[in-house]
Each structure stands twice: as C-alpha cells, then as structure tokens.
Amino acid sequence: MHLQRVVITGMGAVSPLGNRVEDLWEGLLAGNSGITRMEELDAIKGLRPRIAGRVKEVNAKAIPRKARRTMSNLSIFASLAALEAIEQAGIDQDTLTGGRTGLSVGSTTGSSQALEQFFKLYLPENSLEAIRSTEFFKIMNHSAAANLAQFLGISGRVIAASAACSTGCQNIGLAAEAIATGRQDLMLCGGTDELHPLTVGTFDIIEAASIAEIEDPASASRPFDAKRDGIVCSEGAGILLLESYEHATARGAEILAEISGFSSLCDSSNMASPSAQAINLCMAEALKEAGINAKDIDYVNAHATGTLQGDASEAQAIAELLGDTAPVSSLKGHLGHTMAASGAIETIATVRMMQENTIIPTANLNIPAEECSAINNTLHLLERPITYALKNNFALGGINTSLVLRRIQ
C-alpha cells in the first residue's frame, strides 16, 4: 500500500493562556502562568489542592444555539478551536462536508459537569422527570467528537479515542494514519477537556496532585524540578487540521509541519507508574517510523507533569535513547495538565517553536532533580532551528504515545 505524507495546515487552541493559538504562543513566550486559585475547591471535603488552570471566558455564541444545546464546555472548547484551525487552513464548506474530511477527537470522559447535574436531579427521588433530553449528548464518552461532527457537517470517518492524558496525541496519530492510508484526505484531530473538582480529586486520591503552592499558584507546577510534588489540573482544547501532502500542495495551502512518525504502545507493567523501558520503546518506534535516528531529534516536548515517578521515568528514557544533546522541556509549568487536550495543545506549541526557531523552557524548573538531570533540561528561552521534534504523552493505564514532527524546508 502506498502511504501518503501527512502535513499540518491548520491549528486552533483554547487554553488557560487564552482562546486562540496566538494567545497561547505569546503567553508561553512571556513565561506566563495559567494557574490560579479556585475558591470552588474549598467546598470539597477531603480535597487538598486549591489551584487549577481555567480557560478564560469564551465566546460560546460563535456556535449556533441549535448546535450548542447538546454541548458541554469540553465540546464548546473543541468547536471554537476547530473553527480557528479551519480558518487558518482555508478549508471551504464543500471540502469540509464532502465526505473526504474526517474527525478524530476525544476527551477523558464525557462532561463531568453534566454528569454531576444528572445525578443531582436523579438521585434524591430516583426520578428522571427533571432530566432534559439533551443531557445524554453531553455525558456520552464520544460527546466532543459527535457534537463537533454535527456542528461542522462532517460526513467522513469519525473517531473518538479516549486514553486519558494520551488522548490528544493518540487522536492526532490515528488521524494521520487515516490520511496516510488514503482513507481520508483531511482530518480534524486533537483533544479537549473541562475542569471539574472530580478531576482534581482523582489525582489527589492517588497521591499525584500538587498541594504545596496554594498561596503561589503560578509556581506550583514544576516538571523535572527537585521540589516537584505533583500534577496541577487544567482544561482546554487543541485541534489540528491534517491533510495529505498531495492534497495540501494541490490547493496551495501553507504547510506548518509534517507528521513523520507516530507510536502508541501499552506499558502493561503498572496501571499508574510508567516504566522508563516502555517509554523508551514507544519513542524508538516513532523514530523508526519517521526513518530517522536519535541524533536527528532537535527538541523533545516532554509529557512531564510534575509527578515524582513519571518525570523520573521519562527523563531516564529520554537520556537512554537520545543522550543529553537535544533540548527537553515541558509546558505544564505554564499550562498545568490540560488532560485529554494536553497532547494537542502542546503539539501546537511545538509547531510554533519550529516555525519561530525558539524553544520554550520549562517554567518553574529552578533546580533539576538528580533523577531528571541526565537530559538537556531547557531553563531559558533558546533560539535555534528545529527540523525534527519529538512529542511525548503518557496516560494512566499505561497508554504511551509519541509523535515525530518535521519542519518542511
């Protein structure tokens, strides 16, 4: 089978740093933080974290009311990001709805906010009488993909991969495979999530949430740092428009980057603690698919969430596979962990780094931990060209993903 080259021609982002890609990029350049104190967490008994990353107010009315009725925040975020990606790519309505454009977008679960509302109405009297007919479309696990497809009129392939923190990256890879094998010409892809106290609580219960910097939220998320103490939860959406190289060049589209390698493997050794060996294997397979060697990687955008074990395992795997030459950074010091959206938002930021010849450092990385010091940690803004970048995302349940991005000269 002839495999087609896959390129990125559009990007859209909604994040705690703003509601467009340019807001995200300018915030990262300035070293801004999207993490704030959340008073609503004070009311949750037994919950220790009090900080998180919230999306700033969005213009939901850009989505017609008829489409918005079945959308929770996570679908609204994804829809607004998709509109930005479509606008940048210059895709017309006929191309979008003609059957050769598909979609691959996921979230960690359906809407937690809608699920909470459902059970508030149902449980007191075991009654369905107050439940609106639109609520299920917010709760179902493929809510984001279904709502986005209906809103945009997508009639091609629709995928809704859900793999927690690997969701965004995995959906990008699956979309790339659909194009590479000729099943679609274009794919909208990425991930989205909305913040809810249960999200924060999940990581607190498993002792993986940050609790140390309640009075200084901006400094709480510390990937690779000696004083890191866990994840700071966040929300947002990242959507990319992928298409075959032949299709993009035929219509004269601006190509932002190429996806040249993808790997998604399972680490079955532990449900919660990633192993360096499994991470190494996942990255190596992505490099092999891209047809490059470890020395070709110019930058690694790490998953690094600020957990003790996760950061250490990823740093060890990167050091063993790539050595200490390629600069490495994580964006979760700026953004927090946007969950299912993280792989897509961080891929978008990595493409911008490639375009601007600029590497964003890891925020709040003051003293690299000894177990994370064998890699080339990026502590300051770097100006240098990036031809190949490696993007990592790893999830609870052992779902590991890696992408290789290439700048087209």
Protein backbone atom coordinates (compact mmCIF):
# COMPACT_ATOMS: atom_id res chain seq x y z
CA MET A 1 0.00 0.00 0.00
CA HIS A 2 1.29 3.45 -0.91
CA LEU A 3 1.48 5.62 2.20
CA GLN A 4 0.86 9.31 1.72
CA ARG A 5 2.75 12.02 3.56
CA VAL A 6 0.71 13.81 6.25
CA VAL A 7 1.03 17.52 6.97
CA ILE A 8 -0.49 20.08 9.33
CA THR A 9 -2.22 23.04 7.68
CA GLY A 10 -4.39 24.44 10.49
CA MET A 11 -4.29 24.76 14.28
CA GLY A 12 -6.67 26.02 16.94
CA ALA A 13 -6.29 26.23 20.71
CA VAL A 14 -8.35 27.18 23.74
CA SER A 15 -6.21 27.16 26.89
CA PRO A 16 -5.69 28.84 30.28
CA LEU A 17 -3.40 31.31 28.45
CA GLY A 18 -6.13 32.44 26.05
CA ASN A 19 -8.62 31.41 23.42
CA ARG A 20 -6.52 31.36 20.25
CA VAL A 21 -3.16 29.90 19.22
CA GLU A 22 -1.54 33.34 19.25
CA ASP A 23 -2.65 33.86 22.87
CA LEU A 24 -1.08 30.51 23.76
CA TRP A 25 2.18 31.33 21.98
CA GLU A 26 2.52 34.86 23.37
CA GLY A 27 1.79 33.60 26.88
CA LEU A 28 4.44 30.90 26.61
CA LEU A 29 6.98 33.36 25.23
CA ALA A 30 6.31 35.74 28.11
CA GLY A 31 6.60 32.94 30.67
CA ASN A 32 3.03 33.49 31.87
CA SER A 33 1.11 31.03 34.01
CA GLY A 34 -2.49 29.91 33.52
CA ILE A 35 -2.76 28.54 37.07
CA THR A 36 -4.96 30.32 39.62
CA ARG A 37 -6.62 29.82 42.99
CA MET A 38 -10.02 28.10 42.67
CA GLU A 39 -12.35 29.00 45.52
CA GLU A 40 -14.90 26.39 44.44
CA LEU A 41 -12.46 23.67 45.54
CA ASP A 42 -12.73 24.90 49.15
CA ALA A 43 -16.17 23.33 49.42
CA ILE A 44 -14.99 19.80 48.60
CA LYS A 45 -14.43 17.77 51.78
CA GLY A 46 -11.19 15.83 51.87
CA LEU A 47 -9.70 17.62 48.84
CA ARG A 48 -6.26 19.14 49.39
CA PRO A 49 -5.44 21.01 46.13
CA ARG A 50 -6.89 24.52 45.78
CA ILE A 51 -5.42 25.57 42.42
CA ALA A 52 -6.04 24.74 38.77
CA GLY A 53 -5.90 26.14 35.25
CA ARG A 54 -9.15 27.64 34.00
CA VAL A 55 -9.99 28.68 30.43
CA LYS A 56 -10.83 32.35 30.23
CA GLU A 57 -14.37 33.27 29.22
CA VAL A 58 -15.07 32.08 25.68
CA ASN A 59 -17.48 33.35 23.03
CA ALA A 60 -19.81 30.35 23.01
CA LYS A 61 -22.31 32.30 20.92
CA ALA A 62 -19.99 31.85 17.94
CA ILE A 63 -21.65 28.42 17.86
CA PRO A 64 -25.34 28.50 16.81
CA ARG A 65 -27.75 27.80 19.66
CA LYS A 66 -29.15 24.71 17.94
CA ALA A 67 -25.71 23.08 17.95
CA ARG A 68 -24.83 24.42 21.39
CA ARG A 69 -27.82 22.81 23.12
CA THR A 70 -26.10 19.41 23.27
CA MET A 71 -22.65 20.78 24.11
CA SER A 72 -20.91 20.95 27.46
CA ASN A 73 -17.83 23.10 27.95
CA LEU A 74 -15.50 20.46 26.52
CA SER A 75 -17.43 20.39 23.24
CA ILE A 76 -17.62 24.19 23.13
CA PHE A 77 -13.85 24.43 23.62
CA ALA A 78 -13.25 21.88 20.84
CA SER A 79 -15.67 23.63 18.47
CA LEU A 80 -14.02 27.03 18.91
CA ALA A 81 -10.55 25.52 18.44
CA ALA A 82 -11.76 23.69 15.32
CA LEU A 83 -13.14 26.91 13.83
CA GLU A 84 -9.73 28.53 14.27
CA ALA A 85 -7.95 25.57 12.66
CA ILE A 86 -10.35 25.55 9.71
CA GLU A 87 -9.92 29.30 9.26
CA GLN A 88 -6.13 29.05 9.22
CA ALA A 89 -6.17 26.12 6.80
CA GLY A 90 -8.55 27.92 4.44
CA ILE A 91 -10.89 24.94 4.07
CA ASP A 92 -14.17 25.70 2.31
CA GLN A 93 -17.55 24.25 3.28
CA ASP A 94 -17.73 21.81 0.38
CA THR A 95 -14.36 20.29 1.32
CA LEU A 96 -15.34 20.13 4.98
CA THR A 97 -18.65 18.34 4.37
CA GLY A 98 -17.90 16.39 1.20
CA GLY A 99 -17.03 13.06 2.83
CA ARG A 100 -13.25 13.16 2.35
CA THR A 101 -12.76 15.10 5.60
CA GLY A 102 -12.94 13.11 8.83
CA LEU A 103 -12.53 13.78 12.51
CA SER A 104 -10.63 12.21 15.41
CA VAL A 105 -11.21 14.00 18.72
CA GLY A 106 -11.53 12.71 22.28
CA SER A 107 -11.89 13.64 25.93
CA THR A 108 -11.03 11.74 29.11
CA THR A 109 -14.71 11.10 29.81
CA GLY A 110 -17.93 12.80 28.79
CA SER A 111 -18.80 16.01 30.60
CA SER A 112 -18.23 15.69 34.35
CA GLN A 113 -20.27 18.84 34.89
CA ALA A 114 -23.24 17.37 33.03
CA LEU A 115 -22.85 14.04 34.83
CA GLU A 116 -22.92 15.80 38.21
CA GLN A 117 -26.06 17.70 37.21
CA PHE A 118 -27.72 14.50 36.02
CA PHE A 119 -27.23 12.70 39.33
CA LYS A 120 -28.21 15.76 41.37
CA LEU A 121 -31.58 15.58 39.67
CA TYR A 122 -31.88 11.79 39.59
CA LEU A 123 -30.68 10.57 42.99
CA PRO A 124 -32.81 12.46 45.55
CA GLU A 125 -36.03 10.77 44.46
CA ASN A 126 -34.77 8.22 41.90
CA SER A 127 -36.61 10.26 39.31
CA LEU A 128 -35.92 11.09 35.67
CA GLU A 129 -38.67 13.67 35.46
CA ALA A 130 -36.37 16.71 35.62
CA ILE A 131 -33.76 15.36 33.18
CA ARG A 132 -33.52 17.24 29.90
CA SER A 133 -33.36 15.24 26.70
CA THR A 134 -30.11 16.94 25.69
CA GLU A 135 -28.13 15.83 28.77
CA PHE A 136 -27.09 12.42 27.44
CA PHE A 137 -25.35 14.04 24.46
CA LYS A 138 -23.10 15.86 26.93
CA ILE A 139 -22.39 12.79 29.04
CA MET A 140 -21.64 10.16 26.39
CA ASN A 141 -17.96 9.37 26.02
CA HIS A 142 -17.78 10.49 22.39
CA SER A 143 -19.60 13.75 23.14
CA ALA A 144 -16.87 16.01 21.78
CA ALA A 145 -16.46 14.10 18.52
CA ALA A 146 -20.20 13.72 17.93
CA ASN A 147 -21.02 17.34 18.71
CA LEU A 148 -18.15 18.60 16.59
CA ALA A 149 -19.15 16.41 13.65
CA GLN A 150 -22.77 17.54 13.84
CA PHE A 151 -21.83 21.20 14.18
CA LEU A 152 -19.42 21.18 11.23
CA GLY A 153 -21.36 18.79 9.00
CA ILE A 154 -18.60 16.16 8.90
CA SER A 155 -19.70 13.12 6.89
CA GLY A 156 -16.38 11.28 6.71
CA ARG A 157 -14.77 8.99 9.26
CA VAL A 158 -15.30 9.95 12.93
CA ILE A 159 -13.02 8.53 15.64
CA ALA A 160 -13.27 9.30 19.36
CA ALA A 161 -10.24 7.73 21.02
CA SER A 162 -10.22 8.22 24.79
CA ALA A 163 -6.96 7.47 26.58
CA ALA A 164 -6.78 9.97 29.44
CA CYS A 165 -3.61 12.06 29.19
CA SER A 166 -2.61 10.44 25.87
CA THR A 167 -5.94 11.25 24.20
CA GLY A 168 -4.89 14.30 22.18
CA CYS A 169 -1.65 12.78 20.93
CA GLN A 170 -3.30 9.45 20.11
CA ASN A 171 -6.09 11.11 18.12
CA ILE A 172 -3.51 13.05 16.10
CA GLY A 173 -1.69 9.81 15.32
CA LEU A 174 -4.86 7.94 14.37
CA ALA A 175 -5.91 10.83 12.14
CA ALA A 176 -2.50 10.79 10.46
CA GLU A 177 -2.85 7.05 9.80
CA ALA A 178 -6.29 7.54 8.21
CA ILE A 179 -4.76 10.04 5.78
CA ALA A 180 -1.55 8.08 5.18
CA THR A 181 -3.55 5.04 4.09
CA GLY A 182 -5.77 7.08 1.79
CA ARG A 183 -9.00 6.65 3.73
CA GLN A 184 -9.43 10.42 4.13
CA ASP A 185 -7.86 13.47 2.52
CA LEU A 186 -8.21 15.66 5.61
CA MET A 187 -8.78 15.08 9.33
CA LEU A 188 -9.61 17.41 12.19
CA CYS A 189 -8.00 15.93 15.29
CA GLY A 190 -6.96 16.52 18.87
CA GLY A 191 -8.36 16.51 22.38
CA THR A 192 -10.45 18.51 24.81
CA ASP A 193 -11.35 18.50 28.49
CA GLU A 194 -13.23 20.60 31.01
CA LEU A 195 -12.16 21.13 34.61
CA HIS A 196 -14.21 19.65 37.44
CA PRO A 197 -13.42 19.05 41.13
CA LEU A 198 -13.60 15.30 40.45
CA THR A 199 -10.68 15.64 38.03
CA VAL A 200 -8.58 17.29 40.71
CA GLY A 201 -9.85 14.82 43.28
CA THR A 202 -8.87 11.80 41.20
CA PHE A 203 -5.22 12.81 41.23
CA ASP A 204 -5.38 13.79 44.90
CA ILE A 205 -6.73 10.36 45.85
CA ILE A 206 -3.86 8.59 44.06
CA GLU A 207 -1.32 10.95 45.68
CA ALA A 208 -0.36 12.54 42.35
CA ALA A 209 -1.73 16.09 42.77
CA SER A 210 0.31 19.14 43.74
CA ILE A 211 -0.59 20.54 47.17
CA ALA A 212 2.49 22.59 48.06
CA GLU A 213 1.96 26.03 46.49
CA ILE A 214 -1.61 27.05 47.29
CA GLU A 215 -0.53 30.63 48.06
CA ASP A 216 1.59 30.91 44.89
CA PRO A 217 -0.35 29.12 42.14
CA ALA A 218 1.97 30.20 39.31
CA SER A 219 4.89 28.28 40.81
CA ALA A 220 3.00 25.09 41.68
CA SER A 221 3.56 23.01 38.54
CA ARG A 222 7.28 22.09 38.50
CA PRO A 223 8.17 19.48 35.85
CA PHE A 224 11.58 17.84 36.38
CA ASP A 225 12.29 20.07 39.41
CA ALA A 226 13.74 18.82 42.69
CA LYS A 227 10.75 20.31 44.56
CA ARG A 228 8.01 19.00 42.26
CA ASP A 229 5.10 17.48 44.15
CA GLY A 230 2.51 16.54 41.56
CA ILE A 231 0.05 17.50 38.86
CA VAL A 232 -1.85 20.77 38.62
CA CYS A 233 -5.08 20.04 36.74
CA SER A 234 -6.25 22.28 33.93
CA GLU A 235 -8.62 22.42 30.95
CA GLY A 236 -8.76 23.43 27.28
CA ALA A 237 -8.81 22.10 23.73
CA GLY A 238 -6.36 21.70 20.89
CA ILE A 239 -7.48 20.90 17.34
CA LEU A 240 -5.26 20.41 14.29
CA LEU A 241 -6.22 20.13 10.62
CA LEU A 242 -4.20 17.39 8.92
CA GLU A 243 -4.19 16.58 5.22
CA SER A 244 -2.19 14.64 2.72
CA TYR A 245 0.81 16.45 1.31
CA GLU A 246 -0.58 15.98 -2.20
CA HIS A 247 -3.94 17.50 -1.26
CA ALA A 248 -2.34 20.43 0.55
CA THR A 249 0.07 21.30 -2.26
CA ALA A 250 -2.64 20.92 -4.91
CA ARG A 251 -4.73 23.62 -3.28
CA GLY A 252 -1.75 25.82 -2.43
CA ALA A 253 -2.10 25.53 1.34
CA GLU A 254 0.58 26.75 3.74
CA ILE A 255 2.19 23.70 5.36
CA LEU A 256 3.02 24.26 9.02
CA ALA A 257 4.81 20.94 9.68
CA GLU A 258 4.76 17.27 8.74
CA ILE A 259 3.86 14.32 10.96
CA SER A 260 6.53 11.82 10.05
CA GLY A 261 6.29 9.31 12.88
CA PHE A 262 3.76 8.02 15.42
CA SER A 263 3.77 5.29 18.05
CA SER A 264 1.18 4.18 20.59
CA LEU A 265 2.16 1.27 22.81
CA CYS A 266 0.91 -0.11 26.12
CA ASP A 267 3.04 -0.35 29.25
CA SER A 268 1.39 -3.32 30.96
CA SER A 269 3.80 -3.34 33.90
CA ASN A 270 1.83 -0.93 36.10
CA MET A 271 -1.52 0.86 35.97
CA ALA A 272 -0.23 4.17 37.36
CA SER A 273 3.59 4.28 37.36
CA PRO A 274 5.23 4.43 33.92
CA SER A 275 8.40 2.47 33.26
CA ALA A 276 11.40 4.01 31.51
CA GLN A 277 11.78 0.89 29.37
CA ALA A 278 8.26 1.17 27.95
CA ILE A 279 8.65 4.91 27.28
CA ASN A 280 11.96 4.26 25.54
CA LEU A 281 10.34 1.64 23.30
CA CYS A 282 7.48 3.96 22.36
CA MET A 283 9.81 6.82 21.39
CA ALA A 284 12.11 4.45 19.49
CA GLU A 285 9.21 3.11 17.43
CA ALA A 286 8.12 6.65 16.49
CA LEU A 287 11.68 7.44 15.35
CA LYS A 288 11.77 4.22 13.33
CA GLU A 289 8.52 5.08 11.56
CA ALA A 290 9.92 8.54 10.78
CA GLY A 291 13.04 6.93 9.31
CA ILE A 292 15.43 8.90 11.50
CA ASN A 293 17.98 8.26 14.21
CA ALA A 294 18.10 9.56 17.77
CA LYS A 295 20.75 12.12 16.81
CA ASP A 296 18.32 13.72 14.35
CA ILE A 297 15.97 14.95 17.09
CA ASP A 298 16.49 18.66 17.73
CA TYR A 299 13.96 19.08 20.54
CA VAL A 300 11.80 16.96 22.85
CA ASN A 301 8.48 18.28 24.13
CA ALA A 302 8.10 16.11 27.20
CA HIS A 303 4.91 14.88 28.83
CA ALA A 304 6.45 15.65 32.27
CA THR A 305 3.54 16.50 34.57
CA GLY A 306 5.46 17.22 37.76
CA THR A 307 4.97 13.82 39.42
CA LEU A 308 7.90 12.16 41.16
CA GLN A 309 7.82 8.83 39.32
CA GLY A 310 6.51 9.98 35.94
CA ASP A 311 9.09 12.70 35.39
CA ALA A 312 11.92 10.47 36.55
CA SER A 313 10.93 7.62 34.22
CA GLU A 314 10.55 9.91 31.22
CA ALA A 315 13.87 11.64 31.89
CA GLN A 316 15.63 8.28 32.19
CA ALA A 317 14.08 7.03 28.95
CA ILE A 318 15.00 10.19 27.03
CA ALA A 319 18.57 10.07 28.35
CA GLU A 320 18.97 6.41 27.40
CA LEU A 321 17.57 6.86 23.90
CA LEU A 322 18.68 10.37 22.93
CA GLY A 323 21.50 11.22 25.32
CA ASP A 324 21.89 14.75 26.65
CA THR A 325 22.13 16.71 23.38
CA ALA A 326 18.58 17.56 22.35
CA PRO A 327 16.93 20.27 24.48
CA VAL A 328 13.98 19.00 26.52
CA SER A 329 11.13 20.99 28.04
CA SER A 330 7.60 20.56 29.38
CA LEU A 331 4.86 23.17 29.02
CA LYS A 332 2.89 22.04 32.05
CA GLY A 333 4.70 24.57 34.24
CA HIS A 334 2.85 27.25 32.24
CA LEU A 335 -0.43 25.50 31.49
CA GLY A 336 -0.92 22.85 34.13
CA HIS A 337 -2.07 19.49 32.85
CA THR A 338 -4.92 20.00 30.36
CA MET A 339 -5.62 16.27 30.41
CA ALA A 340 -7.03 14.95 27.12
CA ALA A 341 -6.20 18.28 25.49
CA SER A 342 -2.55 18.29 26.56
CA GLY A 343 -1.12 16.30 23.64
CA ALA A 344 -2.83 18.52 21.07
CA ILE A 345 -2.21 21.89 22.75
CA GLU A 346 1.44 21.01 23.32
CA THR A 347 1.83 19.74 19.75
CA ILE A 348 0.51 23.08 18.51
CA ALA A 349 3.00 24.92 20.70
CA THR A 350 5.81 22.68 19.42
CA VAL A 351 4.89 23.51 15.81
CA ARG A 352 5.07 27.20 16.72
CA MET A 353 8.52 26.63 18.22
CA MET A 354 9.59 25.04 14.93
CA GLN A 355 8.21 27.99 12.97
CA GLU A 356 9.85 30.59 15.21
CA ASN A 357 13.20 28.81 15.81
CA THR A 358 12.52 29.25 19.52
CA ILE A 359 12.41 26.67 22.31
CA ILE A 360 10.18 27.46 25.29
CA PRO A 361 11.83 26.48 28.60
CA THR A 362 10.20 24.50 31.41
CA ALA A 363 8.57 27.00 33.77
CA ASN A 364 9.39 26.69 37.49
CA LEU A 365 12.36 24.42 36.79
CA ASN A 366 14.82 26.00 39.18
CA ILE A 367 16.94 23.04 40.28
CA PRO A 368 16.59 19.90 38.14
CA ALA A 369 16.10 16.82 40.30
CA GLU A 370 19.05 14.46 40.34
CA GLU A 371 16.94 11.73 38.76
CA CYS A 372 15.95 14.16 35.96
CA SER A 373 19.36 15.73 35.37
CA ALA A 374 20.75 13.36 32.71
CA ILE A 375 18.74 15.14 29.99
CA ASN A 376 19.35 18.56 28.46
CA ASN A 377 16.78 20.47 30.53
CA THR A 378 15.84 23.80 28.94
CA LEU A 379 15.98 26.52 31.60
CA HIS A 380 15.85 29.63 29.40
CA LEU A 381 14.45 30.64 26.01
CA LEU A 382 16.63 29.19 23.26
CA GLU A 383 16.89 30.44 19.71
CA ARG A 384 17.79 27.57 17.40
CA PRO A 385 16.32 25.79 14.38
CA ILE A 386 14.25 22.64 14.88
CA THR A 387 13.99 20.23 11.98
CA TYR A 388 12.73 17.22 13.95
CA ALA A 389 10.81 17.40 17.23
CA LEU A 390 9.64 14.52 19.40
CA LYS A 391 6.35 14.92 21.31
CA ASN A 392 5.52 12.59 24.21
CA ASN A 393 2.32 11.86 26.09
CA PHE A 394 1.70 9.08 28.61
CA ALA A 395 -1.51 8.10 30.39
CA LEU A 396 -2.82 6.20 33.37
CA GLY A 397 -3.38 2.62 32.30
CA GLY A 398 -0.03 2.53 30.51
CA ILE A 399 -1.15 4.12 27.23
CA ASN A 400 2.03 5.68 25.82
CA THR A 401 2.20 7.85 22.71
CA SER A 402 4.95 9.64 20.79
CA LEU A 403 4.84 11.82 17.66
CA VAL A 404 7.68 12.93 15.42
CA LEU A 405 7.17 16.33 13.78
CA ARG A 406 9.27 17.56 10.87
CA ARG A 407 9.64 21.07 9.57
CA ILE A 408 9.35 21.18 5.79
CA GLN A 409 12.21 23.25 4.47
